[in-house]
Amino acid sequence: MKDIEIKEYFEQYIQKINIPYYSLFFIDELSATHIYANLPETWIQDFLSLKMDINSDIIIKSHKKLTPFIWTDKDLSNNKLKHLALKYNIKSGATFIVKLGTITILFTIYPSDTPELFSKFFDSQKSKIQFDLLNYFEHFYRTNTKITFTLREKEVINLLKIGKTYDEISLILNIKERTVRFHANNITNKLNTSSIKYAIYKATKMGLI
């Protein structure tokens, strides 16, 4: 799924529900956080430079929840996050959670209404918004899990998973070590990872091995 498709979808979506601002976080425990938002670009830069993708009260809370939750600036205990909210006039929001394999997706909407009016909106619309989000990312999940390994790639990754070295695998499979590395490189490319260690983790979480 391309960045432009995600941005277009969510910018159109928030117009439909009459919400001015949103952010969308893709949080993967073994890679950098990716953010889409229609908030100022400086907000994204500030958020990441302050490591709020790790230390934000909202993100910490989302790791322990599966259901959406509403919050206000008064709920924030992290002083840096409080300062950021004040700087960008963020008084409240609602965060929706989708977990896909190794990735946690957080969709947060920021209202222009008072917290009281927004709370009523949230109570009436949270189920629909959560359903819409799951429905959208079901397509994302299907698109991104259409990964198949060749028989040799399966042999290589399963041997790597149990701790065998490239040299040991070459002896076990009776192939050259550079051929083992060729298959390992194909595996990391298919899983869009930068290391074979993460490829093994991701393939396991996705049920591919």
C-alpha atoms as a PDB file:
ATOM      1  CA  MET A   1       0.000   0.000   0.000  1.00  0.00           C
ATOM      2  CA  LYS A   2       1.446   3.341  -1.042  1.00  0.00           C
ATOM      3  CA  ASP A   3       1.862   6.340   1.241  1.00  0.00           C
ATOM      4  CA  ILE A   4      -0.309   8.499  -1.005  1.00  0.00           C
ATOM      5  CA  GLU A   5      -3.179   5.980  -0.846  1.00  0.00           C
ATOM      6  CA  ILE A   6      -3.113   5.934   2.951  1.00  0.00           C
ATOM      7  CA  LYS A   7      -2.977   9.722   3.204  1.00  0.00           C
ATOM      8  CA  GLU A   8      -5.817  10.212   0.703  1.00  0.00           C
ATOM      9  CA  TYR A   9      -8.017   7.667   2.447  1.00  0.00           C
ATOM     10  CA  PHE A  10      -7.628   9.145   5.924  1.00  0.00           C
ATOM     11  CA  GLU A  11      -7.880  12.749   4.836  1.00  0.00           C
ATOM     12  CA  GLN A  12     -11.165  11.913   3.106  1.00  0.00           C
ATOM     13  CA  TYR A  13     -12.286   9.841   6.085  1.00  0.00           C
ATOM     14  CA  ILE A  14     -11.863  12.598   8.679  1.00  0.00           C
ATOM     15  CA  GLN A  15     -13.837  14.957   6.426  1.00  0.00           C
ATOM     16  CA  LYS A  16     -16.722  12.457   6.473  1.00  0.00           C
ATOM     17  CA  ILE A  17     -16.765  12.319  10.261  1.00  0.00           C
ATOM     18  CA  ASN A  18     -16.191  16.084  10.556  1.00  0.00           C
ATOM     19  CA  ILE A  19     -12.864  15.883  12.390  1.00  0.00           C
ATOM     20  CA  PRO A  20     -10.135  18.384  11.466  1.00  0.00           C
ATOM     21  CA  TYR A  21      -6.942  16.532  12.387  1.00  0.00           C
ATOM     22  CA  TYR A  22      -5.614  13.001  12.620  1.00  0.00           C
ATOM     23  CA  SER A  23      -2.407  11.058  13.112  1.00  0.00           C
ATOM     24  CA  LEU A  24      -1.666   7.488  12.120  1.00  0.00           C
ATOM     25  CA  PHE A  25       1.228   5.645  13.739  1.00  0.00           C
ATOM     26  CA  PHE A  26       2.744   2.395  12.491  1.00  0.00           C
ATOM     27  CA  ILE A  27       4.725   1.121  15.471  1.00  0.00           C
ATOM     28  CA  ASP A  28       6.968  -1.897  14.954  1.00  0.00           C
ATOM     29  CA  GLU A  29       9.075  -3.045  17.892  1.00  0.00           C
ATOM     30  CA  LEU A  30      12.068  -3.784  15.657  1.00  0.00           C
ATOM     31  CA  SER A  31      11.986  -0.814  13.299  1.00  0.00           C
ATOM     32  CA  ALA A  32      11.407   2.930  13.255  1.00  0.00           C
ATOM     33  CA  THR A  33       7.936   4.365  13.850  1.00  0.00           C
ATOM     34  CA  HIS A  34       6.229   5.665  10.728  1.00  0.00           C
ATOM     35  CA  ILE A  35       3.752   8.534  11.028  1.00  0.00           C
ATOM     36  CA  TYR A  36       1.068   9.923   8.730  1.00  0.00           C
ATOM     37  CA  ALA A  37      -0.724  13.073   9.875  1.00  0.00           C
ATOM     38  CA  ASN A  38      -2.318  16.288   8.678  1.00  0.00           C
ATOM     39  CA  LEU A  39      -0.953  18.131  11.695  1.00  0.00           C
ATOM     40  CA  PRO A  40       1.965  20.506  11.018  1.00  0.00           C
ATOM     41  CA  GLU A  41       5.132  18.786   9.821  1.00  0.00           C
ATOM     42  CA  THR A  42       6.952  20.363  12.756  1.00  0.00           C
ATOM     43  CA  TRP A  43       4.637  18.440  15.120  1.00  0.00           C
ATOM     44  CA  ILE A  44       5.868  15.149  13.650  1.00  0.00           C
ATOM     45  CA  GLN A  45       9.484  16.287  13.890  1.00  0.00           C
ATOM     46  CA  ASP A  46       9.032  17.445  17.494  1.00  0.00           C
ATOM     47  CA  PHE A  47       7.173  14.267  18.458  1.00  0.00           C
ATOM     48  CA  LEU A  48       9.909  11.985  17.135  1.00  0.00           C
ATOM     49  CA  SER A  49      12.843  14.103  18.308  1.00  0.00           C
ATOM     50  CA  LEU A  50      11.441  13.976  21.852  1.00  0.00           C
ATOM     51  CA  LYS A  51      11.042  10.169  21.493  1.00  0.00           C
ATOM     52  CA  MET A  52       7.346  10.444  22.221  1.00  0.00           C
ATOM     53  CA  ASP A  53       6.742   7.376  20.041  1.00  0.00           C
ATOM     54  CA  ILE A  54       8.306   5.515  22.998  1.00  0.00           C
ATOM     55  CA  ASN A  55       7.515   7.727  25.999  1.00  0.00           C
ATOM     56  CA  SER A  56       4.096   9.221  25.208  1.00  0.00           C
ATOM     57  CA  ASP A  57       1.419   8.429  27.819  1.00  0.00           C
ATOM     58  CA  ILE A  58      -1.001   7.662  25.001  1.00  0.00           C
ATOM     59  CA  ILE A  59       1.276   5.206  23.218  1.00  0.00           C
ATOM     60  CA  ILE A  60       2.240   3.475  26.472  1.00  0.00           C
ATOM     61  CA  LYS A  61      -1.452   3.081  27.313  1.00  0.00           C
ATOM     62  CA  SER A  62      -2.234   1.730  23.825  1.00  0.00           C
ATOM     63  CA  HIS A  63       0.215  -1.161  24.325  1.00  0.00           C
ATOM     64  CA  LYS A  64      -2.030  -2.418  27.142  1.00  0.00           C
ATOM     65  CA  LYS A  65      -5.349  -1.972  25.340  1.00  0.00           C
ATOM     66  CA  LEU A  66      -7.278  -3.307  22.360  1.00  0.00           C
ATOM     67  CA  THR A  67     -10.263  -0.977  22.557  1.00  0.00           C
ATOM     68  CA  PRO A  68     -10.385   2.755  21.662  1.00  0.00           C
ATOM     69  CA  PHE A  69     -10.033   5.350  24.387  1.00  0.00           C
ATOM     70  CA  ILE A  70     -10.542   9.077  24.741  1.00  0.00           C
ATOM     71  CA  TRP A  71      -8.135  11.402  26.513  1.00  0.00           C
ATOM     72  CA  THR A  72      -7.568  15.104  27.307  1.00  0.00           C
ATOM     73  CA  ASP A  73      -4.459  17.168  27.934  1.00  0.00           C
ATOM     74  CA  LYS A  74      -5.219  16.865  31.660  1.00  0.00           C
ATOM     75  CA  ASP A  75      -4.600  13.103  31.430  1.00  0.00           C
ATOM     76  CA  LEU A  76      -1.022  13.608  30.240  1.00  0.00           C
ATOM     77  CA  SER A  77       1.687  13.066  32.857  1.00  0.00           C
ATOM     78  CA  ASN A  78       4.727  13.362  30.586  1.00  0.00           C
ATOM     79  CA  ASN A  79       5.837  17.011  30.802  1.00  0.00           C
ATOM     80  CA  LYS A  80       7.373  17.009  27.335  1.00  0.00           C
ATOM     81  CA  LEU A  81       4.132  15.681  25.866  1.00  0.00           C
ATOM     82  CA  LYS A  82       2.156  18.291  27.819  1.00  0.00           C
ATOM     83  CA  HIS A  83       4.360  21.029  26.371  1.00  0.00           C
ATOM     84  CA  LEU A  84       3.888  19.613  22.880  1.00  0.00           C
ATOM     85  CA  ALA A  85       0.102  19.534  23.309  1.00  0.00           C
ATOM     86  CA  LEU A  86       0.134  23.148  24.481  1.00  0.00           C
ATOM     87  CA  LYS A  87       2.396  24.238  21.625  1.00  0.00           C
ATOM     88  CA  TYR A  88       0.031  22.802  18.998  1.00  0.00           C
ATOM     89  CA  ASN A  89      -3.197  23.562  20.885  1.00  0.00           C
ATOM     90  CA  ILE A  90      -4.135  19.896  21.298  1.00  0.00           C
ATOM     91  CA  LYS A  91      -6.680  19.658  24.114  1.00  0.00           C
ATOM     92  CA  SER A  92      -8.136  16.182  23.565  1.00  0.00           C
ATOM     93  CA  GLY A  93      -8.192  13.202  21.259  1.00  0.00           C
ATOM     94  CA  ALA A  94      -9.362   9.649  20.776  1.00  0.00           C
ATOM     95  CA  THR A  95      -7.055   6.791  19.889  1.00  0.00           C
ATOM     96  CA  PHE A  96      -8.091   3.635  18.029  1.00  0.00           C
ATOM     97  CA  ILE A  97      -5.907   0.531  17.962  1.00  0.00           C
ATOM     98  CA  VAL A  98      -5.286  -2.145  15.331  1.00  0.00           C
ATOM     99  CA  LYS A  99      -2.689  -4.879  15.853  1.00  0.00           C
ATOM    100  CA  LEU A 100      -1.408  -6.758  12.804  1.00  0.00           C
ATOM    101  CA  GLY A 101       1.372  -9.244  13.457  1.00  0.00           C
ATOM    102  CA  THR A 102       4.426  -7.291  14.564  1.00  0.00           C
ATOM    103  CA  ILE A 103       2.808  -3.910  13.833  1.00  0.00           C
ATOM    104  CA  THR A 104       0.584  -1.815  16.091  1.00  0.00           C
ATOM    105  CA  ILE A 105      -1.402   0.855  14.239  1.00  0.00           C
ATOM    106  CA  LEU A 106      -2.714   3.830  16.211  1.00  0.00           C
ATOM    107  CA  PHE A 107      -5.285   6.117  14.613  1.00  0.00           C
ATOM    108  CA  THR A 108      -5.842   9.264  16.670  1.00  0.00           C
ATOM    109  CA  ILE A 109      -8.379  11.973  15.906  1.00  0.00           C
ATOM    110  CA  TYR A 110      -8.128  15.504  17.293  1.00  0.00           C
ATOM    111  CA  PRO A 111     -11.347  17.562  17.509  1.00  0.00           C
ATOM    112  CA  SER A 112     -12.071  21.245  17.271  1.00  0.00           C
ATOM    113  CA  ASP A 113     -15.028  20.788  19.695  1.00  0.00           C
ATOM    114  CA  THR A 114     -14.768  21.147  23.454  1.00  0.00           C
ATOM    115  CA  PRO A 115     -13.763  17.959  25.307  1.00  0.00           C
ATOM    116  CA  GLU A 116     -17.378  17.606  26.520  1.00  0.00           C
ATOM    117  CA  LEU A 117     -18.864  17.667  22.999  1.00  0.00           C
ATOM    118  CA  PHE A 118     -16.110  15.427  21.706  1.00  0.00           C
ATOM    119  CA  SER A 119     -16.831  12.907  24.444  1.00  0.00           C
ATOM    120  CA  LYS A 120     -20.448  12.641  23.217  1.00  0.00           C
ATOM    121  CA  PHE A 121     -19.250  12.225  19.637  1.00  0.00           C
ATOM    122  CA  PHE A 122     -16.809   9.512  20.723  1.00  0.00           C
ATOM    123  CA  ASP A 123     -19.469   7.575  22.648  1.00  0.00           C
ATOM    124  CA  SER A 124     -21.807   7.573  19.643  1.00  0.00           C
ATOM    125  CA  GLN A 125     -19.226   6.902  16.908  1.00  0.00           C
ATOM    126  CA  LYS A 126     -16.398   4.850  18.417  1.00  0.00           C
ATOM    127  CA  SER A 127     -17.779   1.462  17.341  1.00  0.00           C
ATOM    128  CA  LYS A 128     -18.264   2.589  13.740  1.00  0.00           C
ATOM    129  CA  ILE A 129     -14.838   4.219  13.525  1.00  0.00           C
ATOM    130  CA  GLN A 130     -13.180   1.111  14.958  1.00  0.00           C
ATOM    131  CA  PHE A 131     -15.047  -1.066  12.450  1.00  0.00           C
ATOM    132  CA  ASP A 132     -14.052   1.212   9.552  1.00  0.00           C
ATOM    133  CA  LEU A 133     -10.432   1.078  10.674  1.00  0.00           C
ATOM    134  CA  LEU A 134     -10.397  -2.712  10.956  1.00  0.00           C
ATOM    135  CA  ASN A 135     -12.122  -3.015   7.593  1.00  0.00           C
ATOM    136  CA  TYR A 136      -9.536  -0.766   5.927  1.00  0.00           C
ATOM    137  CA  PHE A 137      -6.534  -2.502   7.435  1.00  0.00           C
ATOM    138  CA  GLU A 138      -7.938  -5.950   6.726  1.00  0.00           C
ATOM    139  CA  HIS A 139      -7.207  -5.081   3.099  1.00  0.00           C
ATOM    140  CA  PHE A 140      -3.757  -3.808   4.141  1.00  0.00           C
ATOM    141  CA  TYR A 141      -3.103  -7.063   5.996  1.00  0.00           C
ATOM    142  CA  ARG A 142      -4.210  -9.258   3.074  1.00  0.00           C
ATOM    143  CA  THR A 143      -2.075  -7.254   0.656  1.00  0.00           C
ATOM    144  CA  ASN A 144       0.978  -7.465   2.862  1.00  0.00           C
ATOM    145  CA  THR A 145       0.720 -11.149   3.803  1.00  0.00           C
ATOM    146  CA  LYS A 146       0.660 -12.560   0.277  1.00  0.00           C
ATOM    147  CA  ILE A 147       4.208 -13.819   0.759  1.00  0.00           C
ATOM    148  CA  THR A 148       5.311 -17.269  -0.293  1.00  0.00           C
ATOM    149  CA  PHE A 149       8.681 -18.939   0.094  1.00  0.00           C
ATOM    150  CA  THR A 150      10.191 -21.487  -2.261  1.00  0.00           C
ATOM    151  CA  LEU A 151      10.906 -24.924  -0.805  1.00  0.00           C
ATOM    152  CA  ARG A 152      14.604 -24.055  -0.513  1.00  0.00           C
ATOM    153  CA  GLU A 153      13.863 -20.713   1.155  1.00  0.00           C
ATOM    154  CA  LYS A 154      11.672 -22.525   3.710  1.00  0.00           C
ATOM    155  CA  GLU A 155      14.482 -24.967   4.417  1.00  0.00           C
ATOM    156  CA  VAL A 156      16.986 -22.139   4.874  1.00  0.00           C
ATOM    157  CA  ILE A 157      14.819 -19.967   7.125  1.00  0.00           C
ATOM    158  CA  ASN A 158      13.749 -22.901   9.301  1.00  0.00           C
ATOM    159  CA  LEU A 159      17.381 -23.925   9.801  1.00  0.00           C
ATOM    160  CA  LEU A 160      18.334 -20.340  10.582  1.00  0.00           C
ATOM    161  CA  LYS A 161      15.447 -20.212  13.063  1.00  0.00           C
ATOM    162  CA  ILE A 162      16.929 -23.082  15.100  1.00  0.00           C
ATOM    163  CA  GLY A 163      20.326 -21.380  15.189  1.00  0.00           C
ATOM    164  CA  LYS A 164      22.235 -22.970  12.324  1.00  0.00           C
ATOM    165  CA  THR A 165      24.948 -20.868  10.659  1.00  0.00           C
ATOM    166  CA  TYR A 166      25.206 -20.280   6.906  1.00  0.00           C
ATOM    167  CA  ASP A 167      28.169 -22.668   6.792  1.00  0.00           C
ATOM    168  CA  GLU A 168      26.267 -25.391   8.673  1.00  0.00           C
ATOM    169  CA  ILE A 169      23.229 -24.956   6.407  1.00  0.00           C
ATOM    170  CA  SER A 170      25.401 -25.318   3.314  1.00  0.00           C
ATOM    171  CA  LEU A 171      26.628 -28.696   4.632  1.00  0.00           C
ATOM    172  CA  ILE A 172      23.132 -29.848   5.665  1.00  0.00           C
ATOM    173  CA  LEU A 173      21.560 -28.931   2.301  1.00  0.00           C
ATOM    174  CA  ASN A 174      24.651 -29.813   0.262  1.00  0.00           C
ATOM    175  CA  ILE A 175      24.780 -26.400  -1.403  1.00  0.00           C
ATOM    176  CA  LYS A 176      27.400 -23.653  -1.444  1.00  0.00           C
ATOM    177  CA  GLU A 177      27.421 -21.075   1.347  1.00  0.00           C
ATOM    178  CA  ARG A 178      26.933 -18.249  -1.159  1.00  0.00           C
ATOM    179  CA  THR A 179      23.763 -20.026  -2.332  1.00  0.00           C
ATOM    180  CA  VAL A 180      22.501 -20.083   1.276  1.00  0.00           C
ATOM    181  CA  ARG A 181      23.188 -16.341   1.497  1.00  0.00           C
ATOM    182  CA  PHE A 182      21.378 -15.827  -1.815  1.00  0.00           C
ATOM    183  CA  HIS A 183      18.253 -17.517  -0.398  1.00  0.00           C
ATOM    184  CA  ALA A 184      18.556 -15.550   2.872  1.00  0.00           C
ATOM    185  CA  ASN A 185      18.723 -12.307   0.869  1.00  0.00           C
ATOM    186  CA  ASN A 186      15.570 -13.306  -1.060  1.00  0.00           C
ATOM    187  CA  ILE A 187      13.806 -13.957   2.253  1.00  0.00           C
ATOM    188  CA  THR A 188      14.685 -10.527   3.679  1.00  0.00           C
ATOM    189  CA  ASN A 189      13.583  -8.861   0.423  1.00  0.00           C
ATOM    190  CA  LYS A 190      10.218 -10.651   0.450  1.00  0.00           C
ATOM    191  CA  LEU A 191       9.599  -9.636   4.061  1.00  0.00           C
ATOM    192  CA  ASN A 192      10.902  -6.098   3.521  1.00  0.00           C
ATOM    193  CA  THR A 193      13.400  -6.380   6.374  1.00  0.00           C
ATOM    194  CA  SER A 194      17.019  -5.304   6.705  1.00  0.00           C
ATOM    195  CA  SER A 195      18.247  -8.326   8.669  1.00  0.00           C
ATOM    196  CA  ILE A 196      17.678 -12.066   8.595  1.00  0.00           C
ATOM    197  CA  LYS A 197      17.095 -12.027  12.380  1.00  0.00           C
ATOM    198  CA  TYR A 198      14.115  -9.708  11.948  1.00  0.00           C
ATOM    199  CA  ALA A 199      12.954 -11.711   8.899  1.00  0.00           C
ATOM    200  CA  ILE A 200      12.787 -14.861  11.047  1.00  0.00           C
ATOM    201  CA  TYR A 201      10.871 -12.997  13.762  1.00  0.00           C
ATOM    202  CA  LYS A 202       8.453 -11.457  11.259  1.00  0.00           C
ATOM    203  CA  ALA A 203       7.882 -14.709   9.353  1.00  0.00           C
ATOM    204  CA  THR A 204       7.141 -16.480  12.648  1.00  0.00           C
ATOM    205  CA  LYS A 205       4.672 -13.803  13.791  1.00  0.00           C
ATOM    206  CA  MET A 206       2.940 -13.875  10.408  1.00  0.00           C
ATOM    207  CA  GLY A 207       2.615 -17.671  10.516  1.00  0.00           C
ATOM    208  CA  LEU A 208       4.767 -18.184   7.432  1.00  0.00           C
ATOM    209  CA  ILE A 209       7.098 -20.660   9.160  1.00  0.00           C
END
